[in-house]
PDB file of N, CA and C in Angstrom:
ATOM      1  N   MET A   1     -13.535-134.988 251.422  1.00  0.00           N
ATOM      2  CA  MET A   1     -14.841-133.848 251.963  1.00  0.00           C
ATOM      3  C   MET A   1     -13.428-132.603 251.596  1.00  0.00           C
ATOM      4  N   TRP A   2     -14.207-131.663 250.950  1.00  0.00           N
ATOM      5  CA  TRP A   2     -13.689-130.488 250.527  1.00  0.00           C
ATOM      6  C   TRP A   2     -14.066-129.099 252.123  1.00  0.00           C
ATOM      7  N   ILE A   3     -12.879-129.066 252.385  1.00  0.00           N
ATOM      8  CA  ILE A   3     -13.359-127.245 253.204  1.00  0.00           C
ATOM      9  C   ILE A   3     -13.225-126.012 252.527  1.00  0.00           C
ATOM     10  N   ASP A   4     -13.659-125.365 252.675  1.00  0.00           N
ATOM     11  CA  ASP A   4     -12.943-123.779 252.058  1.00  0.00           C
ATOM     12  C   ASP A   4     -13.289-122.808 253.093  1.00  0.00           C
ATOM     13  N   SER A   5     -11.632-122.821 253.661  1.00  0.00           N
ATOM     14  CA  SER A   5     -11.572-122.016 254.938  1.00  0.00           C
ATOM     15  C   SER A   5     -11.916-120.516 254.525  1.00  0.00           C
ATOM     16  N   GLY A   6     -11.464-120.271 253.281  1.00  0.00           N
ATOM     17  CA  GLY A   6     -11.511-118.719 253.026  1.00  0.00           C
ATOM     18  C   GLY A   6      -9.646-118.322 253.044  1.00  0.00           C
ATOM     19  N   ILE A   7      -9.066-119.342 253.925  1.00  0.00           N
ATOM     20  CA  ILE A   7      -7.483-118.797 253.900  1.00  0.00           C
ATOM     21  C   ILE A   7      -6.923-119.284 252.692  1.00  0.00           C
ATOM     22  N   ARG A   8      -5.907-117.896 252.200  1.00  0.00           N
ATOM     23  CA  ARG A   8      -5.289-117.993 251.019  1.00  0.00           C
ATOM     24  C   ARG A   8      -3.779-118.519 251.178  1.00  0.00           C
ATOM     25  N   VAL A   9      -3.231-119.326 250.977  1.00  0.00           N
ATOM     26  CA  VAL A   9      -1.516-119.620 251.197  1.00  0.00           C
ATOM     27  C   VAL A   9      -0.696-118.383 250.189  1.00  0.00           C
ATOM     28  N   ASP A  10       0.209-118.094 251.178  1.00  0.00           N
ATOM     29  CA  ASP A  10       0.842-117.507 250.386  1.00  0.00           C
ATOM     30  C   ASP A  10       2.175-117.764 250.291  1.00  0.00           C
ATOM     31  N   GLY A  11       2.899-117.201 249.868  1.00  0.00           N
ATOM     32  CA  GLY A  11       4.554-117.261 249.466  1.00  0.00           C
ATOM     33  C   GLY A  11       5.329-117.720 250.946  1.00  0.00           C
ATOM     34  N   GLN A  12       5.013-116.865 251.936  1.00  0.00           N
ATOM     35  CA  GLN A  12       5.837-117.574 252.976  1.00  0.00           C
ATOM     36  C   GLN A  12       5.450-118.555 253.893  1.00  0.00           C
ATOM     37  N   GLY A  13       4.189-118.894 253.451  1.00  0.00           N
ATOM     38  CA  GLY A  13       3.802-120.194 254.061  1.00  0.00           C
ATOM     39  C   GLY A  13       2.929-120.114 255.809  1.00  0.00           C
ATOM     40  N   GLU A  14       2.695-118.801 255.439  1.00  0.00           N
ATOM     41  CA  GLU A  14       1.734-118.416 256.700  1.00  0.00           C
ATOM     42  C   GLU A  14       0.341-118.877 256.833  1.00  0.00           C
ATOM     43  N   GLY A  15       0.103-118.849 254.971  1.00  0.00           N
ATOM     44  CA  GLY A  15      -1.578-119.295 254.831  1.00  0.00           C
ATOM     45  C   GLY A  15      -1.755-120.624 255.158  1.00  0.00           C
ATOM     46  N   ARG A  16      -0.582-121.710 254.948  1.00  0.00           N
ATOM     47  CA  ARG A  16      -0.555-122.897 254.685  1.00  0.00           C
ATOM     48  C   ARG A  16      -0.545-123.737 256.429  1.00  0.00           C
ATOM     49  N   GLU A  17       0.012-122.733 257.583  1.00  0.00           N
ATOM     50  CA  GLU A  17       0.006-122.720 258.875  1.00  0.00           C
ATOM     51  C   GLU A  17      -1.614-122.681 259.618  1.00  0.00           C
ATOM     52  N   GLN A  18      -1.941-121.876 258.825  1.00  0.00           N
ATOM     53  CA  GLN A  18      -3.667-121.678 259.092  1.00  0.00           C
ATOM     54  C   GLN A  18      -4.264-122.397 258.549  1.00  0.00           C
ATOM     55  N   VAL A  19      -4.339-123.257 257.750  1.00  0.00           N
ATOM     56  CA  VAL A  19      -5.115-124.502 257.251  1.00  0.00           C
ATOM     57  C   VAL A  19      -5.045-125.806 257.821  1.00  0.00           C
ATOM     58  N   ASN A  20      -3.259-126.178 257.897  1.00  0.00           N
ATOM     59  CA  ASN A  20      -3.030-126.744 258.632  1.00  0.00           C
ATOM     60  C   ASN A  20      -3.637-126.742 260.041  1.00  0.00           C
ATOM     61  N   ALA A  21      -3.553-125.969 260.628  1.00  0.00           N
ATOM     62  CA  ALA A  21      -3.919-125.619 261.970  1.00  0.00           C
ATOM     63  C   ALA A  21      -5.588-125.933 262.489  1.00  0.00           C
ATOM     64  N   LEU A  22      -6.297-125.537 260.788  1.00  0.00           N
ATOM     65  CA  LEU A  22      -7.458-125.442 261.273  1.00  0.00           C
ATOM     66  C   LEU A  22      -8.340-126.990 260.988  1.00  0.00           C
ATOM     67  N   ALA A  23      -7.329-127.426 260.350  1.00  0.00           N
ATOM     68  CA  ALA A  23      -7.686-128.969 259.972  1.00  0.00           C
ATOM     69  C   ALA A  23      -7.616-129.598 261.070  1.00  0.00           C
ATOM     70  N   ASP A  24      -6.134-129.653 262.228  1.00  0.00           N
ATOM     71  CA  ASP A  24      -6.438-130.609 263.018  1.00  0.00           C
ATOM     72  C   ASP A  24      -7.336-130.274 264.583  1.00  0.00           C
ATOM     73  N   ALA A  25      -7.350-128.983 264.088  1.00  0.00           N
ATOM     74  CA  ALA A  25      -8.584-128.821 265.314  1.00  0.00           C
ATOM     75  C   ALA A  25     -10.103-129.348 264.459  1.00  0.00           C
ATOM     76  N   PHE A  26     -10.156-129.362 263.213  1.00  0.00           N
ATOM     77  CA  PHE A  26     -11.344-130.493 262.831  1.00  0.00           C
ATOM     78  C   PHE A  26     -11.813-131.491 263.043  1.00  0.00           C
ATOM     79  N   VAL A  27     -10.321-132.477 263.320  1.00  0.00           N
ATOM     80  CA  VAL A  27      -9.871-133.791 263.439  1.00  0.00           C
ATOM     81  C   VAL A  27     -10.110-133.420 265.239  1.00  0.00           C
ATOM     82  N   ASP A  28      -9.797-132.772 266.266  1.00  0.00           N
ATOM     83  CA  ASP A  28      -9.433-132.801 267.582  1.00  0.00           C
ATOM     84  C   ASP A  28     -11.186-132.907 267.835  1.00  0.00           C
ATOM     85  N   THR A  29     -11.818-132.139 267.083  1.00  0.00           N
ATOM     86  CA  THR A  29     -13.546-131.367 267.443  1.00  0.00           C
ATOM     87  C   THR A  29     -14.163-132.484 267.125  1.00  0.00           C
ATOM     88  N   LEU A  30     -14.320-133.388 265.536  1.00  0.00           N
ATOM     89  CA  LEU A  30     -14.372-134.409 265.062  1.00  0.00           C
ATOM     90  C   LEU A  30     -14.545-135.570 266.946  1.00  0.00           C
ATOM     91  N   ALA A  31     -13.402-136.152 267.015  1.00  0.00           N
ATOM     92  CA  ALA A  31     -13.192-136.669 268.172  1.00  0.00           C
ATOM     93  C   ALA A  31     -13.870-136.273 269.968  1.00  0.00           C
ATOM     94  N   ARG A  32     -14.038-135.157 269.707  1.00  0.00           N
ATOM     95  CA  ARG A  32     -14.683-134.609 270.743  1.00  0.00           C
ATOM     96  C   ARG A  32     -16.301-135.404 271.210  1.00  0.00           C
ATOM     97  N   GLY A  33     -16.469-134.686 269.620  1.00  0.00           N
ATOM     98  CA  GLY A  33     -17.907-134.813 269.184  1.00  0.00           C
ATOM     99  C   GLY A  33     -17.778-136.511 269.604  1.00  0.00           C
ATOM    100  N   ALA A  34     -17.471-137.128 269.043  1.00  0.00           N
ATOM    101  CA  ALA A  34     -17.903-138.778 268.426  1.00  0.00           C
ATOM    102  C   ALA A  34     -17.798-139.638 269.981  1.00  0.00           C
ATOM    103  N   ALA A  35     -17.197-138.564 270.799  1.00  0.00           N
ATOM    104  CA  ALA A  35     -17.269-139.369 272.346  1.00  0.00           C
ATOM    105  C   ALA A  35     -18.523-139.217 272.952  1.00  0.00           C
ATOM    106  N   MET A  36     -19.753-138.112 272.742  1.00  0.00           N
ATOM    107  CA  MET A  36     -20.345-137.654 273.159  1.00  0.00           C
ATOM    108  C   MET A  36     -21.942-138.770 272.196  1.00  0.00           C
ATOM    109  N   ALA A  37     -22.282-138.623 274.189  1.00  0.00           N
ATOM    110  CA  ALA A  37     -22.800-140.246 273.895  1.00  0.00           C
ATOM    111  C   ALA A  37     -24.713-139.705 273.217  1.00  0.00           C
ATOM    112  N   SER A  38     -24.606-138.383 273.228  1.00  0.00           N
ATOM    113  CA  SER A  38     -26.424-137.393 272.070  1.00  0.00           C
ATOM    114  C   SER A  38     -25.838-137.632 270.927  1.00  0.00           C
ATOM    115  N   GLY A  39     -24.735-137.840 270.323  1.00  0.00           N
ATOM    116  CA  GLY A  39     -23.757-137.092 268.743  1.00  0.00           C
ATOM    117  C   GLY A  39     -23.747-135.444 268.930  1.00  0.00           C
ATOM    118  N   ALA A  40     -23.302-135.003 268.167  1.00  0.00           N
ATOM    119  CA  ALA A  40     -22.570-133.424 268.093  1.00  0.00           C
ATOM    120  C   ALA A  40     -22.760-133.129 266.608  1.00  0.00           C
ATOM    121  N   LEU A  41     -22.848-131.525 266.738  1.00  0.00           N
ATOM    122  CA  LEU A  41     -23.000-131.018 265.682  1.00  0.00           C
ATOM    123  C   LEU A  41     -21.680-130.130 265.271  1.00  0.00           C
ATOM    124  N   VAL A  42     -20.735-130.485 264.235  1.00  0.00           N
ATOM    125  CA  VAL A  42     -19.570-129.872 264.318  1.00  0.00           C
ATOM    126  C   VAL A  42     -19.829-128.463 262.847  1.00  0.00           C
ATOM    127  N   ARG A  43     -19.926-127.532 263.324  1.00  0.00           N
ATOM    128  CA  ARG A  43     -19.812-126.503 262.515  1.00  0.00           C
ATOM    129  C   ARG A  43     -18.442-124.958 262.343  1.00  0.00           C
ATOM    130  N   LEU A  44     -18.507-124.753 261.328  1.00  0.00           N
ATOM    131  CA  LEU A  44     -17.533-124.130 260.972  1.00  0.00           C
ATOM    132  C   LEU A  44     -18.159-122.243 261.641  1.00  0.00           C
ATOM    133  N   GLY A  45     -17.370-121.722 262.873  1.00  0.00           N
ATOM    134  CA  GLY A  45     -18.023-120.482 262.989  1.00  0.00           C
ATOM    135  C   GLY A  45     -16.756-119.534 263.646  1.00  0.00           C
ATOM    136  N   GLY A  46     -17.372-118.652 264.508  1.00  0.00           N
ATOM    137  CA  GLY A  46     -16.235-117.521 264.857  1.00  0.00           C
ATOM    138  C   GLY A  46     -16.363-116.246 264.576  1.00  0.00           C
ATOM    139  N   SER A  47     -15.868-115.439 265.446  1.00  0.00           N
ATOM    140  CA  SER A  47     -16.370-114.005 265.412  1.00  0.00           C
ATOM    141  C   SER A  47     -16.031-113.149 263.840  1.00  0.00           C
ATOM    142  N   PRO A  48     -16.987-112.040 263.220  1.00  0.00           N
ATOM    143  CA  PRO A  48     -16.107-111.633 261.750  1.00  0.00           C
ATOM    144  C   PRO A  48     -14.396-110.920 262.125  1.00  0.00           C
ATOM    145  N   ASP A  49     -14.178-111.101 263.578  1.00  0.00           N
ATOM    146  CA  ASP A  49     -12.802-110.012 263.410  1.00  0.00           C
ATOM    147  C   ASP A  49     -11.694-111.155 263.575  1.00  0.00           C
ATOM    148  N   GLY A  50     -12.074-112.427 264.030  1.00  0.00           N
ATOM    149  CA  GLY A  50     -11.118-113.368 264.345  1.00  0.00           C
ATOM    150  C   GLY A  50     -10.837-114.796 263.605  1.00  0.00           C
ATOM    151  N   PRO A  51     -10.041-115.397 263.650  1.00  0.00           N
ATOM    152  CA  PRO A  51     -10.429-116.644 262.584  1.00  0.00           C
ATOM    153  C   PRO A  51     -11.196-117.457 263.032  1.00  0.00           C
ATOM    154  N   PRO A  52     -11.409-118.378 262.066  1.00  0.00           N
ATOM    155  CA  PRO A  52     -12.359-119.095 261.990  1.00  0.00           C
ATOM    156  C   PRO A  52     -11.943-120.164 262.464  1.00  0.00           C
ATOM    157  N   GLN A  53     -12.925-121.250 263.734  1.00  0.00           N
ATOM    158  CA  GLN A  53     -12.859-122.231 264.448  1.00  0.00           C
ATOM    159  C   GLN A  53     -14.098-122.412 264.099  1.00  0.00           C
ATOM    160  N   TRP A  54     -13.754-124.213 264.680  1.00  0.00           N
ATOM    161  CA  TRP A  54     -14.886-124.938 265.079  1.00  0.00           C
ATOM    162  C   TRP A  54     -15.723-125.216 266.114  1.00  0.00           C
ATOM    163  N   VAL A  55     -16.627-125.359 266.034  1.00  0.00           N
ATOM    164  CA  VAL A  55     -17.575-124.524 267.236  1.00  0.00           C
ATOM    165  C   VAL A  55     -18.678-126.233 267.354  1.00  0.00           C
ATOM    166  N   LEU A  56     -18.465-126.788 268.120  1.00  0.00           N
ATOM    167  CA  LEU A  56     -19.330-128.115 268.864  1.00  0.00           C
ATOM    168  C   LEU A  56     -20.310-127.962 269.261  1.00  0.00           C
ATOM    169  N   SER A  57     -21.297-128.544 269.142  1.00  0.00           N
ATOM    170  CA  SER A  57     -22.709-127.877 269.431  1.00  0.00           C
ATOM    171  C   SER A  57     -23.477-129.639 270.045  1.00  0.00           C
ATOM    172  N   PRO A  58     -23.800-129.924 271.303  1.00  0.00           N
ATOM    173  CA  PRO A  58     -24.338-131.330 271.461  1.00  0.00           C
ATOM    174  C   PRO A  58     -25.982-131.623 271.278  1.00  0.00           C
ATOM    175  N   LEU A  59     -26.315-132.636 270.268  1.00  0.00           N
ATOM    176  CA  LEU A  59     -27.478-133.085 270.052  1.00  0.00           C
ATOM    177  C   LEU A  59     -28.252-133.486 271.576  1.00  0.00           C
ATOM    178  N   GLY A  60     -29.534-133.071 271.549  1.00  0.00           N
ATOM    179  CA  GLY A  60     -30.489-133.893 272.454  1.00  0.00           C
ATOM    180  C   GLY A  60     -30.521-133.037 273.728  1.00  0.00           C
TER     181      GLY A  60
END
């Protein structure tokens, strides 16, 4: 799976840290969704002014 977060890696490593944090949050969100009996939808969301974040929506 390829996820384009729109975050670009700079020479200082800040972008890489943001990408790693987003990937870690994705795995955590998937684990929470898998534990839900009804299933869940995971999508990339967030506010236009803030950083991207994973949103978990229960199904059913």
